[in-house]
Amino acid sequence: MSGTLTMFGPDFPFAYDDWLGHPAGLGRIPAQRHGARVAIVGAGISGLVAGYELMRLGLCPVLYESGEIGGRLRSRAFEGADGVVAELGGMRFPASSAGFWHYAGLAGVTSRPFPNPLTPAAGSTVIDLEGETHYAETLDDLPPIFREVAAAYDAALEEGARLSDLQTAIRMRDAPRVAEIWAPIVRDWDERTFYDFIVSSRAFRALSFRHRELFGQVGFGTGGWDSDFPNSMLEILRVAVTGQDENQRLVVGGVEQVPQALWRHAPERLAHWPDGTTLAALNGGATRPGVTRIAREGDAIAVTDRWGRTERFDAVIATCQSWLLTTAIETEESLFDHKLWMALDRTRYMQSSKTFVMVDRPFWQDRDPETGRQAMSMTLTDRLTRGTYLFDNGPGKPGVICLTYSWMSDALKMLPLPVDRRVELALGALSKIYPKVDIASHILGDPITVSWESDPNFLGAFKGALPGHYRYNHRMFRHFMQDGLPPEQRGLFLCGDDVSWTPGWVEGAVQTALNAVWGVMHQFGGACDAENPGPGDVWPTRAPVRLPC
């Protein structure tokens, strides 16, 4: 994959896709440990990837789930419509998510470009700010101030993050060069915000407050950035340098097909287990109930489910959001040191809300006979809806409109409202932008909505690191390297996108799951092939930079 932009770092430059694709496989477990059971807390994509790979190595993953298989890869089907879904969690997946696309390939799904603003997939984009509406099919169709903002952001990234140099090093899989460029950026920007980065850049200093305001409201690529302005700039730089905000795709029929496929997929190459073995089969066709307690019992770790059944395991992988280890799951304090507990507790989650309706057809593609414009467009606005996305499911199928996709304070405005009221408010806002369009007359069936912060299994959409959180992230990410831990802290491994350097992106969940697989393999006396070293094997030379405490 050399020459292709992937999420190769920048914090830990390891080619997970190469490790996955190597003919030698991920590694070997000693035959005497084959069949040993490993508990996995959570059957989201991280838990399923970990379980799938441990099964291939000859272990017996036992999955616990308190909600739904797939986690935040949740595709909710509209009643009576085949393959027409609302993507409540992850819905756009960058081409640079090479590990995720490996598993999507196993699932046999198809994908197409996501209709982001100002992309050919969107057809057209409407930007509505302070009551002024602009219609565009390309960036050049917008007033000059929008192009000035886009150019300023590109310049700021070159100035503050050496974007081109870093992306070249990532494309070439040049780990020392990536580290050389990224380490000083970490030291300079860990304790500074995204907004600080923008206002302190020479490119934006030469422009007005209005330019910065437009950038926050509209942004570029995936939409507005103002909900991220308080976050650590490192969080945003990782998105930019690894191409997470560009070349994004959607999974036709719903991304939940990927975790569901991993649950039922029989790998071709299995150690120990007979051909045809699946995670579903090893688990008796269903996951265990949600976990309520994790504790040390001698050399083993005991896991108790919600109905009081306790089982003992030599290793446990916890994929749940970190807050649940202190709120929903009674986790014995001695399993982590106090510095790691601090990191887990300081994790900060962002709120997010979406509301979808199914419509009789993609009527937005109708052209206004007077203007020649599409009847409705992908819409970015300062109104309550913030982002509105339009999904054409193909000939003869209903369309789907994500009426509103909002974050943080905008999402909290929706939190106490029932779904019908959310739809009413969204339709009211959109009617001011599209006075000639009667969206309600096209709606079929019942609307679908989500507020992730109200889900007790998640408590938020995903982590959004604040300035100064790099050290916490470092403690969480490196936890799979357990040789230096005291015996009482070994055997419980953390993974999930909130443990990764790229929260909110499925690739972070995949990569940390693979870290946990390496950790369990190492604990069980296994090892990678010398020709295909794993993340723990290269850790001594590629570990993320450590900042002084």
Protein backbone atom coordinates (compact mmCIF):
# COMPACT_ATOMS: atom_id res chain seq x y z
CA MET A 1 0.00 0.00 0.00
CA SER A 2 3.03 2.28 -0.14
CA GLY A 3 2.15 5.50 -1.92
CA THR A 4 -1.44 5.45 -0.64
CA LEU A 5 -2.59 7.82 2.10
CA THR A 6 -3.77 5.74 5.06
CA MET A 7 -4.02 6.13 8.81
CA PHE A 8 -0.38 5.15 9.19
CA GLY A 9 0.14 7.06 12.42
CA PRO A 10 1.07 9.82 12.88
CA ASP A 11 1.38 9.00 16.60
CA PHE A 12 2.15 5.30 16.12
CA PRO A 13 3.25 4.73 12.51
CA PHE A 14 2.41 1.07 12.05
CA ALA A 15 0.88 -0.41 8.88
CA TYR A 16 -2.04 -2.40 10.28
CA ASP A 17 -3.29 -3.14 6.78
CA ASP A 18 0.05 -4.71 5.82
CA TRP A 19 0.01 -6.80 9.01
CA LEU A 20 -3.51 -8.00 8.18
CA GLY A 21 -2.72 -8.78 4.56
CA HIS A 22 0.56 -10.64 5.03
CA PRO A 23 0.44 -14.32 3.96
CA ALA A 24 2.11 -15.36 7.24
CA GLY A 25 -0.96 -14.23 9.19
CA LEU A 26 -0.99 -12.25 12.43
CA GLY A 27 0.90 -14.86 14.43
CA ARG A 28 0.68 -18.18 16.26
CA ILE A 29 -0.62 -19.33 19.66
CA PRO A 30 1.05 -22.39 21.28
CA ALA A 31 -1.05 -25.50 20.62
CA GLN A 32 -1.50 -26.17 24.35
CA ARG A 33 -3.37 -22.86 24.67
CA HIS A 34 -5.71 -23.53 21.75
CA GLY A 35 -9.34 -23.32 22.80
CA ALA A 36 -8.61 -21.06 25.77
CA ARG A 37 -11.44 -18.62 26.40
CA VAL A 38 -11.04 -14.84 26.25
CA ALA A 39 -13.86 -12.54 27.36
CA ILE A 40 -14.67 -9.57 25.16
CA VAL A 41 -16.79 -6.83 26.71
CA GLY A 42 -18.74 -5.22 23.90
CA ALA A 43 -19.70 -6.46 20.44
CA GLY A 44 -19.10 -3.28 18.49
CA ILE A 45 -16.64 -3.27 15.62
CA SER A 46 -13.65 -3.28 17.99
CA GLY A 47 -14.91 -6.28 19.93
CA LEU A 48 -15.85 -8.19 16.80
CA VAL A 49 -12.50 -7.54 15.10
CA ALA A 50 -10.68 -8.69 18.24
CA GLY A 51 -12.90 -11.75 18.55
CA TYR A 52 -12.61 -12.64 14.88
CA GLU A 53 -8.81 -12.52 14.89
CA LEU A 54 -8.47 -14.38 18.21
CA MET A 55 -10.75 -17.08 16.79
CA ARG A 56 -8.47 -17.36 13.75
CA LEU A 57 -5.52 -17.81 16.13
CA GLY A 58 -7.27 -20.74 17.85
CA LEU A 59 -8.67 -19.07 20.96
CA CYS A 60 -12.34 -19.02 22.03
CA PRO A 61 -13.66 -15.45 22.27
CA VAL A 62 -16.72 -15.07 24.53
CA LEU A 63 -18.57 -11.89 23.66
CA TYR A 64 -20.68 -9.87 26.09
CA GLU A 65 -23.03 -7.16 24.83
CA SER A 66 -25.47 -4.94 26.75
CA GLY A 67 -27.05 -3.34 23.69
CA GLU A 68 -26.75 -4.24 20.02
CA ILE A 69 -24.15 -6.01 17.93
CA GLY A 70 -22.33 -3.32 15.96
CA GLY A 71 -22.22 -0.64 18.65
CA ARG A 72 -22.10 2.74 16.95
CA LEU A 73 -22.06 1.12 13.53
CA ARG A 74 -25.83 1.11 13.81
CA SER A 75 -28.03 1.03 10.72
CA ARG A 76 -31.71 1.35 11.54
CA ALA A 77 -33.99 0.03 8.79
CA PHE A 78 -37.11 1.93 7.83
CA GLU A 79 -40.17 -0.27 8.16
CA GLY A 80 -41.19 -2.07 5.00
CA ALA A 81 -38.36 -0.79 2.80
CA ASP A 82 -35.67 -3.23 1.70
CA GLY A 83 -32.15 -1.91 2.30
CA VAL A 84 -33.31 1.64 3.15
CA VAL A 85 -31.63 2.67 6.40
CA ALA A 86 -30.78 5.53 8.71
CA GLU A 87 -27.12 5.47 9.75
CA LEU A 88 -27.36 6.47 13.41
CA GLY A 89 -23.65 6.24 14.15
CA GLY A 90 -20.77 6.03 11.71
CA MET A 91 -21.98 6.80 8.20
CA ARG A 92 -18.99 8.07 6.21
CA PHE A 93 -15.76 6.15 5.96
CA PRO A 94 -12.61 7.62 4.42
CA ALA A 95 -10.65 5.64 1.89
CA SER A 96 -7.66 6.00 4.23
CA SER A 97 -9.35 3.66 6.76
CA ALA A 98 -7.45 0.71 5.30
CA GLY A 99 -8.02 -1.66 8.22
CA PHE A 100 -11.77 -1.07 8.21
CA TRP A 101 -12.00 -1.62 4.47
CA HIS A 102 -10.16 -4.94 4.92
CA TYR A 103 -13.05 -6.17 7.07
CA ALA A 104 -15.66 -4.51 4.87
CA GLY A 105 -14.18 -6.57 2.04
CA LEU A 106 -14.65 -9.76 4.06
CA ALA A 107 -18.27 -8.72 4.57
CA GLY A 108 -18.72 -8.33 0.81
CA VAL A 109 -20.38 -4.93 1.08
CA THR A 110 -20.49 -2.36 -1.69
CA SER A 111 -19.85 1.34 -1.22
CA ARG A 112 -20.21 4.62 -3.04
CA PRO A 113 -19.08 8.21 -2.45
CA PHE A 114 -20.71 9.94 0.50
CA PRO A 115 -22.71 13.07 -0.44
CA ASN A 116 -20.55 15.54 1.46
CA PRO A 117 -20.87 19.27 0.74
CA LEU A 118 -19.46 20.47 -2.60
CA THR A 119 -18.74 16.95 -3.82
CA PRO A 120 -20.07 15.40 -7.04
CA ALA A 121 -21.94 12.85 -4.91
CA ALA A 122 -23.97 15.65 -3.32
CA GLY A 123 -24.93 17.10 -6.71
CA SER A 124 -25.40 20.53 -5.21
CA THR A 125 -24.87 22.29 -1.91
CA VAL A 126 -26.76 25.12 -0.25
CA ILE A 127 -25.10 27.26 2.38
CA ASP A 128 -27.54 29.34 4.41
CA LEU A 129 -26.02 31.73 6.95
CA GLU A 130 -27.59 34.72 8.70
CA GLY A 131 -30.56 34.50 6.37
CA GLU A 132 -28.48 34.63 3.19
CA THR A 133 -28.62 31.56 0.93
CA HIS A 134 -25.98 30.45 -1.59
CA TYR A 135 -26.46 27.61 -4.09
CA ALA A 136 -23.34 25.86 -5.41
CA GLU A 137 -22.32 22.79 -7.34
CA THR A 138 -18.60 23.54 -6.91
CA LEU A 139 -16.59 25.81 -4.63
CA ASP A 140 -16.19 28.28 -7.50
CA ASP A 141 -19.96 28.90 -7.46
CA LEU A 142 -19.71 30.48 -4.00
CA PRO A 143 -18.73 34.10 -3.23
CA PRO A 144 -14.98 34.75 -2.97
CA ILE A 145 -14.98 34.81 0.85
CA PHE A 146 -15.60 31.05 0.92
CA ARG A 147 -12.61 30.35 -1.31
CA GLU A 148 -10.53 32.67 0.87
CA VAL A 149 -11.48 30.62 3.92
CA ALA A 150 -10.61 27.34 2.15
CA ALA A 151 -7.25 28.69 1.03
CA ALA A 152 -6.50 30.02 4.51
CA TYR A 153 -7.14 26.62 6.11
CA ASP A 154 -4.87 24.90 3.60
CA ALA A 155 -2.17 27.47 4.29
CA ALA A 156 -2.59 27.13 8.06
CA LEU A 157 -2.12 23.36 7.84
CA GLU A 158 1.06 23.77 5.82
CA GLU A 159 2.41 26.38 8.22
CA GLY A 160 1.45 24.70 11.47
CA ALA A 161 1.64 21.01 10.62
CA ARG A 162 3.81 20.65 7.50
CA LEU A 163 0.85 18.88 5.93
CA SER A 164 2.47 18.01 2.60
CA ASP A 165 5.70 16.71 4.14
CA LEU A 166 3.81 14.63 6.70
CA GLN A 167 1.44 13.16 4.13
CA THR A 168 4.36 12.26 1.88
CA ALA A 169 6.03 10.41 4.76
CA ILE A 170 2.77 8.61 5.55
CA ARG A 171 2.27 7.61 1.91
CA MET A 172 5.79 6.18 1.80
CA ARG A 173 5.36 4.36 5.13
CA ASP A 174 8.49 6.14 6.34
CA ALA A 175 8.05 5.70 10.10
CA PRO A 176 11.22 7.59 11.21
CA ARG A 177 10.30 10.55 8.98
CA VAL A 178 6.73 10.60 10.31
CA ALA A 179 8.03 10.64 13.88
CA GLU A 180 10.59 13.34 13.06
CA ILE A 181 7.89 15.69 11.76
CA TRP A 182 5.14 14.79 14.22
CA ALA A 183 7.04 14.84 17.55
CA PRO A 184 7.62 18.63 17.66
CA ILE A 185 4.00 19.20 16.59
CA VAL A 186 2.85 17.17 19.60
CA ARG A 187 5.01 19.26 21.91
CA ASP A 188 3.83 22.53 20.39
CA TRP A 189 0.10 21.82 20.13
CA ASP A 190 -0.97 19.38 22.85
CA GLU A 191 -2.14 22.17 25.16
CA ARG A 192 -3.62 24.45 22.51
CA THR A 193 -7.04 24.40 20.91
CA PHE A 194 -8.24 24.16 17.35
CA TYR A 195 -9.48 27.74 17.59
CA ASP A 196 -6.06 28.88 18.77
CA PHE A 197 -4.52 27.19 15.74
CA ILE A 198 -6.87 29.07 13.41
CA VAL A 199 -6.55 32.54 14.95
CA SER A 200 -2.78 32.32 15.40
CA SER A 201 -2.04 31.22 11.84
CA ARG A 202 -0.66 33.88 9.53
CA ALA A 203 -3.23 33.00 6.87
CA PHE A 204 -6.24 33.62 9.12
CA ARG A 205 -4.67 36.61 10.90
CA ALA A 206 -4.71 38.39 7.55
CA LEU A 207 -8.47 37.84 7.30
CA SER A 208 -11.50 39.03 9.25
CA PHE A 209 -13.48 37.55 12.10
CA ARG A 210 -16.18 36.84 9.51
CA HIS A 211 -13.79 34.43 7.77
CA ARG A 212 -13.20 32.52 11.02
CA GLU A 213 -16.92 32.51 11.71
CA LEU A 214 -17.66 31.06 8.28
CA PHE A 215 -15.03 28.39 8.81
CA GLY A 216 -16.72 27.37 12.05
CA GLN A 217 -20.21 27.37 10.58
CA VAL A 218 -19.45 25.77 7.22
CA GLY A 219 -15.88 24.45 7.19
CA PHE A 220 -14.83 22.28 4.28
CA GLY A 221 -15.01 18.58 3.49
CA THR A 222 -17.48 17.30 6.06
CA GLY A 223 -19.05 20.59 7.16
CA GLY A 224 -18.64 23.10 9.99
CA TRP A 225 -15.91 22.83 12.59
CA ASP A 226 -17.05 25.11 15.41
CA SER A 227 -18.13 22.25 17.70
CA ASP A 228 -14.47 21.13 17.62
CA PHE A 229 -12.99 24.57 18.30
CA PRO A 230 -12.38 23.82 22.04
CA ASN A 231 -10.67 20.49 21.28
CA SER A 232 -6.95 19.82 21.27
CA MET A 233 -5.51 20.80 17.91
CA LEU A 234 -3.74 17.44 17.74
CA GLU A 235 -7.16 15.81 17.37
CA ILE A 236 -7.87 17.88 14.27
CA LEU A 237 -4.41 17.55 12.77
CA ARG A 238 -4.70 13.77 12.82
CA VAL A 239 -7.90 14.08 10.80
CA ALA A 240 -6.23 16.33 8.23
CA VAL A 241 -2.90 14.56 7.77
CA THR A 242 -4.44 11.09 7.35
CA GLY A 243 -7.16 12.18 4.94
CA GLN A 244 -10.05 11.32 7.23
CA ASP A 245 -12.12 14.30 6.07
CA GLU A 246 -11.86 13.53 2.36
CA ASN A 247 -12.65 10.72 -0.10
CA GLN A 248 -15.34 9.40 2.21
CA ARG A 249 -17.71 6.59 1.25
CA LEU A 250 -20.96 5.16 2.53
CA VAL A 251 -21.83 1.47 2.75
CA VAL A 252 -24.80 0.63 0.54
CA GLY A 253 -27.57 -0.90 2.63
CA GLY A 254 -26.00 0.11 5.93
CA VAL A 255 -22.60 -0.22 7.60
CA GLU A 256 -24.02 -2.50 10.29
CA GLN A 257 -23.62 -5.25 7.69
CA VAL A 258 -19.88 -5.25 8.47
CA PRO A 259 -20.05 -6.17 12.20
CA GLN A 260 -22.95 -8.52 11.54
CA ALA A 261 -20.87 -10.27 8.86
CA LEU A 262 -17.88 -10.65 11.20
CA TRP A 263 -20.17 -12.31 13.73
CA ARG A 264 -21.22 -14.90 11.14
CA HIS A 265 -18.17 -15.11 8.83
CA ALA A 266 -16.23 -18.38 8.63
CA PRO A 267 -12.55 -17.62 7.89
CA GLU A 268 -10.68 -19.69 5.36
CA ARG A 269 -7.57 -20.08 7.50
CA LEU A 270 -8.20 -21.22 11.07
CA ALA A 271 -5.89 -22.60 13.72
CA HIS A 272 -7.43 -25.32 15.90
CA TRP A 273 -11.09 -24.83 14.96
CA PRO A 274 -12.78 -26.86 12.19
CA ASP A 275 -13.69 -25.27 8.87
CA GLY A 276 -16.93 -23.34 9.05
CA THR A 277 -16.38 -22.09 12.62
CA THR A 278 -17.79 -18.61 13.31
CA LEU A 279 -17.97 -16.28 16.27
CA ALA A 280 -21.71 -16.91 16.39
CA ALA A 281 -21.15 -20.67 16.58
CA LEU A 282 -18.51 -20.41 19.30
CA ASN A 283 -20.92 -18.27 21.32
CA GLY A 284 -23.91 -20.57 20.91
CA GLY A 285 -25.61 -18.22 18.48
CA ALA A 286 -25.91 -15.21 20.80
CA THR A 287 -23.78 -12.88 22.87
CA ARG A 288 -23.68 -13.05 26.66
CA PRO A 289 -25.66 -10.36 28.54
CA GLY A 290 -24.06 -7.06 29.52
CA VAL A 291 -21.23 -7.06 32.07
CA THR A 292 -21.78 -5.64 35.55
CA ARG A 293 -18.51 -6.57 37.28
CA ILE A 294 -14.86 -7.27 36.42
CA ALA A 295 -12.55 -8.43 39.21
CA ARG A 296 -9.33 -10.32 39.82
CA GLU A 297 -9.69 -13.89 41.15
CA GLY A 298 -6.24 -15.38 41.65
CA ASP A 299 -4.49 -15.70 38.29
CA ALA A 300 -7.76 -15.21 36.39
CA ILE A 301 -10.15 -12.33 35.79
CA ALA A 302 -13.80 -12.88 36.74
CA VAL A 303 -16.55 -11.38 34.61
CA THR A 304 -20.11 -11.14 35.98
CA ASP A 305 -23.07 -10.50 33.70
CA ARG A 306 -26.32 -8.68 34.49
CA TRP A 307 -28.05 -11.89 35.57
CA GLY A 308 -25.36 -12.71 38.10
CA ARG A 309 -23.46 -15.41 36.22
CA THR A 310 -19.71 -15.21 36.85
CA GLU A 311 -17.09 -16.82 34.62
CA ARG A 312 -13.30 -16.78 34.90
CA PHE A 313 -10.93 -15.97 32.04
CA ASP A 314 -7.18 -15.76 31.57
CA ALA A 315 -7.65 -12.59 29.51
CA VAL A 316 -10.37 -9.98 29.03
CA ILE A 317 -10.68 -7.30 26.35
CA ALA A 318 -12.78 -4.28 27.32
CA THR A 319 -14.07 -2.38 24.28
CA CYS A 320 -16.72 -0.28 26.03
CA GLN A 321 -16.43 3.48 26.41
CA SER A 322 -14.12 4.20 29.32
CA TRP A 323 -16.71 5.92 31.53
CA LEU A 324 -18.68 2.68 31.72
CA LEU A 325 -15.81 1.10 33.68
CA THR A 326 -16.69 3.45 36.55
CA THR A 327 -20.45 3.87 36.08
CA ALA A 328 -22.06 0.75 34.61
CA ILE A 329 -19.41 -1.90 35.36
CA GLU A 330 -18.01 -2.42 38.85
CA THR A 331 -14.34 -2.70 37.91
CA GLU A 332 -11.89 -3.67 40.62
CA GLU A 333 -9.63 -0.69 41.20
CA SER A 334 -6.40 -2.70 41.35
CA LEU A 335 -6.79 -3.82 37.72
CA PHE A 336 -5.47 -0.43 36.57
CA ASP A 337 -2.97 1.91 38.16
CA HIS A 338 -4.19 5.29 39.34
CA LYS A 339 -2.66 7.18 36.44
CA LEU A 340 -4.61 5.05 33.99
CA TRP A 341 -7.79 5.49 36.03
CA MET A 342 -7.21 9.24 35.78
CA ALA A 343 -6.96 8.94 32.00
CA LEU A 344 -10.11 6.82 31.75
CA ASP A 345 -12.07 9.19 33.96
CA ARG A 346 -10.87 12.38 32.21
CA THR A 347 -12.04 11.18 28.81
CA ARG A 348 -14.49 13.73 27.46
CA TYR A 349 -17.31 12.67 25.13
CA MET A 350 -19.04 14.81 22.54
CA GLN A 351 -22.81 14.95 22.10
CA SER A 352 -24.41 14.21 18.74
CA SER A 353 -27.95 14.08 17.38
CA LYS A 354 -29.41 12.89 14.06
CA THR A 355 -32.99 12.76 12.78
CA PHE A 356 -33.97 10.92 9.59
CA VAL A 357 -37.10 10.58 7.47
CA MET A 358 -37.82 8.28 4.55
CA VAL A 359 -39.36 9.95 1.49
CA ASP A 360 -41.22 8.58 -1.52
CA ARG A 361 -38.45 9.41 -4.00
CA PRO A 362 -35.32 11.57 -4.34
CA PHE A 363 -37.45 14.59 -5.22
CA TRP A 364 -34.55 16.95 -4.51
CA GLN A 365 -33.16 16.07 -7.92
CA ASP A 366 -36.10 17.81 -9.62
CA ARG A 367 -34.97 20.98 -11.37
CA ASP A 368 -36.67 24.33 -10.80
CA PRO A 369 -37.87 25.40 -14.27
CA GLU A 370 -37.06 29.06 -13.52
CA THR A 371 -33.55 28.71 -12.07
CA GLY A 372 -32.43 25.30 -13.31
CA ARG A 373 -31.32 24.48 -9.78
CA GLN A 374 -32.06 21.29 -7.88
CA ALA A 375 -35.20 21.56 -5.75
CA MET A 376 -33.17 20.81 -2.61
CA SER A 377 -29.48 20.33 -1.84
CA MET A 378 -27.10 19.06 0.76
CA THR A 379 -27.48 21.95 3.24
CA LEU A 380 -25.18 23.63 5.73
CA THR A 381 -26.78 26.32 7.87
CA ASP A 382 -26.60 28.21 11.13
CA ARG A 383 -30.22 27.22 11.76
CA LEU A 384 -31.18 24.42 14.12
CA THR A 385 -30.61 21.68 11.53
CA ARG A 386 -26.95 22.60 10.93
CA GLY A 387 -26.31 19.76 8.41
CA THR A 388 -28.91 18.13 6.13
CA TYR A 389 -27.91 15.18 3.94
CA LEU A 390 -29.79 13.57 1.05
CA PHE A 391 -29.51 9.87 0.14
CA ASP A 392 -30.68 8.41 -3.16
CA ASN A 393 -31.06 4.64 -2.75
CA GLY A 394 -31.46 3.92 -6.44
CA PRO A 395 -34.28 3.38 -8.90
CA GLY A 396 -37.58 2.25 -7.45
CA LYS A 397 -36.51 2.79 -3.84
CA PRO A 398 -37.51 5.50 -1.36
CA GLY A 399 -34.97 8.17 -0.54
CA VAL A 400 -33.72 9.18 2.90
CA ILE A 401 -33.13 12.65 4.32
CA CYS A 402 -30.99 13.23 7.37
CA LEU A 403 -32.94 16.33 8.34
CA THR A 404 -30.52 17.39 11.02
CA TYR A 405 -27.04 16.29 12.06
CA SER A 406 -25.78 18.39 14.95
CA TRP A 407 -23.12 18.39 17.64
CA MET A 408 -22.53 19.57 21.21
CA SER A 409 -24.80 22.49 22.18
CA ASP A 410 -26.88 22.10 19.00
CA ALA A 411 -27.38 18.41 19.82
CA LEU A 412 -28.35 19.26 23.40
CA LYS A 413 -31.17 21.45 22.08
CA MET A 414 -32.71 18.27 20.66
CA LEU A 415 -32.04 16.05 23.66
CA PRO A 416 -35.33 16.49 25.58
CA LEU A 417 -37.54 16.50 22.49
CA PRO A 418 -39.56 13.54 21.12
CA VAL A 419 -38.88 12.48 17.56
CA ASP A 420 -41.98 14.13 16.06
CA ARG A 421 -41.04 17.49 17.58
CA ARG A 422 -37.50 17.14 16.23
CA VAL A 423 -38.94 16.58 12.76
CA GLU A 424 -41.27 19.56 13.09
CA LEU A 425 -38.43 21.86 14.10
CA ALA A 426 -36.21 20.62 11.28
CA LEU A 427 -38.95 21.03 8.68
CA GLY A 428 -39.65 24.52 9.98
CA ALA A 429 -36.01 25.53 9.62
CA LEU A 430 -35.69 24.01 6.15
CA SER A 431 -38.90 25.68 4.95
CA LYS A 432 -37.19 29.04 5.41
CA ILE A 433 -34.37 27.90 3.12
CA TYR A 434 -36.63 26.11 0.61
CA PRO A 435 -39.97 27.96 0.69
CA LYS A 436 -41.17 26.23 -2.50
CA VAL A 437 -40.52 22.68 -1.25
CA ASP A 438 -43.09 20.74 0.78
CA ILE A 439 -40.85 18.11 2.32
CA ALA A 440 -43.60 16.76 4.58
CA SER A 441 -45.73 15.74 1.61
CA HIS A 442 -43.03 13.24 0.59
CA ILE A 443 -42.46 11.59 4.00
CA LEU A 444 -43.23 7.89 4.37
CA GLY A 445 -43.47 5.88 7.59
CA ASP A 446 -42.05 6.89 10.95
CA PRO A 447 -38.98 9.07 11.49
CA ILE A 448 -35.86 7.74 13.19
CA THR A 449 -33.70 9.71 15.62
CA VAL A 450 -30.79 9.29 18.01
CA SER A 451 -29.09 11.26 20.78
CA TRP A 452 -26.00 9.29 21.70
CA GLU A 453 -25.50 11.03 25.03
CA SER A 454 -28.82 9.59 26.27
CA ASP A 455 -27.82 6.00 25.45
CA PRO A 456 -26.66 4.39 28.73
CA ASN A 457 -24.27 2.14 26.81
CA PHE A 458 -22.39 5.09 25.30
CA LEU A 459 -23.03 8.38 27.16
CA GLY A 460 -21.90 10.31 24.10
CA ALA A 461 -20.99 9.98 20.45
CA PHE A 462 -17.24 9.70 20.85
CA LYS A 463 -14.23 11.16 22.63
CA GLY A 464 -13.16 14.72 21.92
CA ALA A 465 -9.78 15.31 23.57
CA LEU A 466 -9.26 18.66 25.28
CA PRO A 467 -5.92 20.49 25.45
CA GLY A 468 -3.54 18.63 27.75
CA HIS A 469 -5.13 15.23 27.14
CA TYR A 470 -2.30 13.78 25.06
CA ARG A 471 -0.72 12.16 28.11
CA TYR A 472 -4.03 10.50 29.00
CA ASN A 473 -4.42 9.19 25.47
CA HIS A 474 -0.86 7.87 25.58
CA ARG A 475 -1.58 5.89 28.77
CA MET A 476 -4.71 4.35 27.25
CA PHE A 477 -3.24 3.53 23.85
CA ARG A 478 -0.08 1.87 25.21
CA HIS A 479 -1.99 -0.30 27.68
CA PHE A 480 -1.72 -3.37 25.41
CA MET A 481 2.04 -3.39 26.16
CA GLN A 482 1.80 -5.13 29.54
CA ASP A 483 5.20 -6.70 30.22
CA GLY A 484 6.12 -3.80 32.49
CA LEU A 485 2.91 -3.94 34.52
CA PRO A 486 2.64 -5.64 37.92
CA PRO A 487 0.96 -9.07 37.69
CA GLU A 488 -2.34 -7.87 39.16
CA GLN A 489 -2.73 -5.39 36.28
CA ARG A 490 -2.09 -7.83 33.45
CA GLY A 491 -4.69 -9.63 31.39
CA LEU A 492 -7.31 -6.90 30.99
CA PHE A 493 -6.80 -5.10 27.68
CA LEU A 494 -8.42 -1.86 26.51
CA CYS A 495 -9.49 -1.09 22.97
CA GLY A 496 -12.06 0.95 21.06
CA ASP A 497 -11.99 4.24 19.22
CA ASP A 498 -11.81 6.23 22.47
CA VAL A 499 -8.58 4.40 23.33
CA SER A 500 -7.18 5.24 19.89
CA TRP A 501 -5.64 8.46 18.64
CA THR A 502 -8.56 8.91 16.23
CA PRO A 503 -11.80 8.90 18.25
CA GLY A 504 -14.99 8.88 16.24
CA TRP A 505 -13.34 7.12 13.31
CA VAL A 506 -13.87 3.41 12.86
CA GLU A 507 -10.23 2.89 11.96
CA GLY A 508 -9.23 3.78 15.53
CA ALA A 509 -11.51 1.03 16.83
CA VAL A 510 -10.01 -1.46 14.37
CA GLN A 511 -6.40 -0.55 15.12
CA THR A 512 -6.75 -0.73 18.91
CA ALA A 513 -8.60 -4.05 18.57
CA LEU A 514 -5.58 -5.40 16.68
CA ASN A 515 -3.30 -4.05 19.42
CA ALA A 516 -5.34 -6.02 21.95
CA VAL A 517 -5.09 -9.14 19.80
CA TRP A 518 -1.30 -8.80 19.82
CA GLY A 519 -1.40 -8.29 23.61
CA VAL A 520 -3.46 -11.43 24.22
CA MET A 521 -1.33 -13.45 21.79
CA HIS A 522 1.81 -12.30 23.62
CA GLN A 523 0.32 -13.11 27.04
CA PHE A 524 -0.55 -16.63 25.86
CA GLY A 525 3.03 -17.23 24.75
CA GLY A 526 2.36 -16.67 21.07
CA ALA A 527 4.33 -14.59 18.61
CA CYS A 528 4.20 -13.04 15.17
CA ASP A 529 6.11 -14.42 12.22
CA ALA A 530 9.54 -12.79 11.91
CA GLU A 531 8.55 -11.60 8.42
CA ASN A 532 5.36 -9.95 9.73
CA PRO A 533 6.00 -8.23 13.06
CA GLY A 534 3.00 -6.90 14.96
CA PRO A 535 2.42 -3.59 16.75
CA GLY A 536 4.01 -4.76 19.98
CA ASP A 537 7.09 -6.03 18.17
CA VAL A 538 7.88 -2.63 16.65
CA TRP A 539 6.79 -0.65 19.72
CA PRO A 540 10.33 -0.07 21.08
CA THR A 541 11.32 1.89 17.96
CA ARG A 542 7.96 3.44 17.03
CA ALA A 543 6.23 4.21 20.32
CA PRO A 544 4.44 7.57 20.45
CA VAL A 545 6.44 10.44 21.86
CA ARG A 546 6.10 10.76 25.65
CA LEU A 547 5.64 14.19 27.12
CA PRO A 548 7.04 14.98 30.58
CA CYS A 549 4.53 14.72 33.43
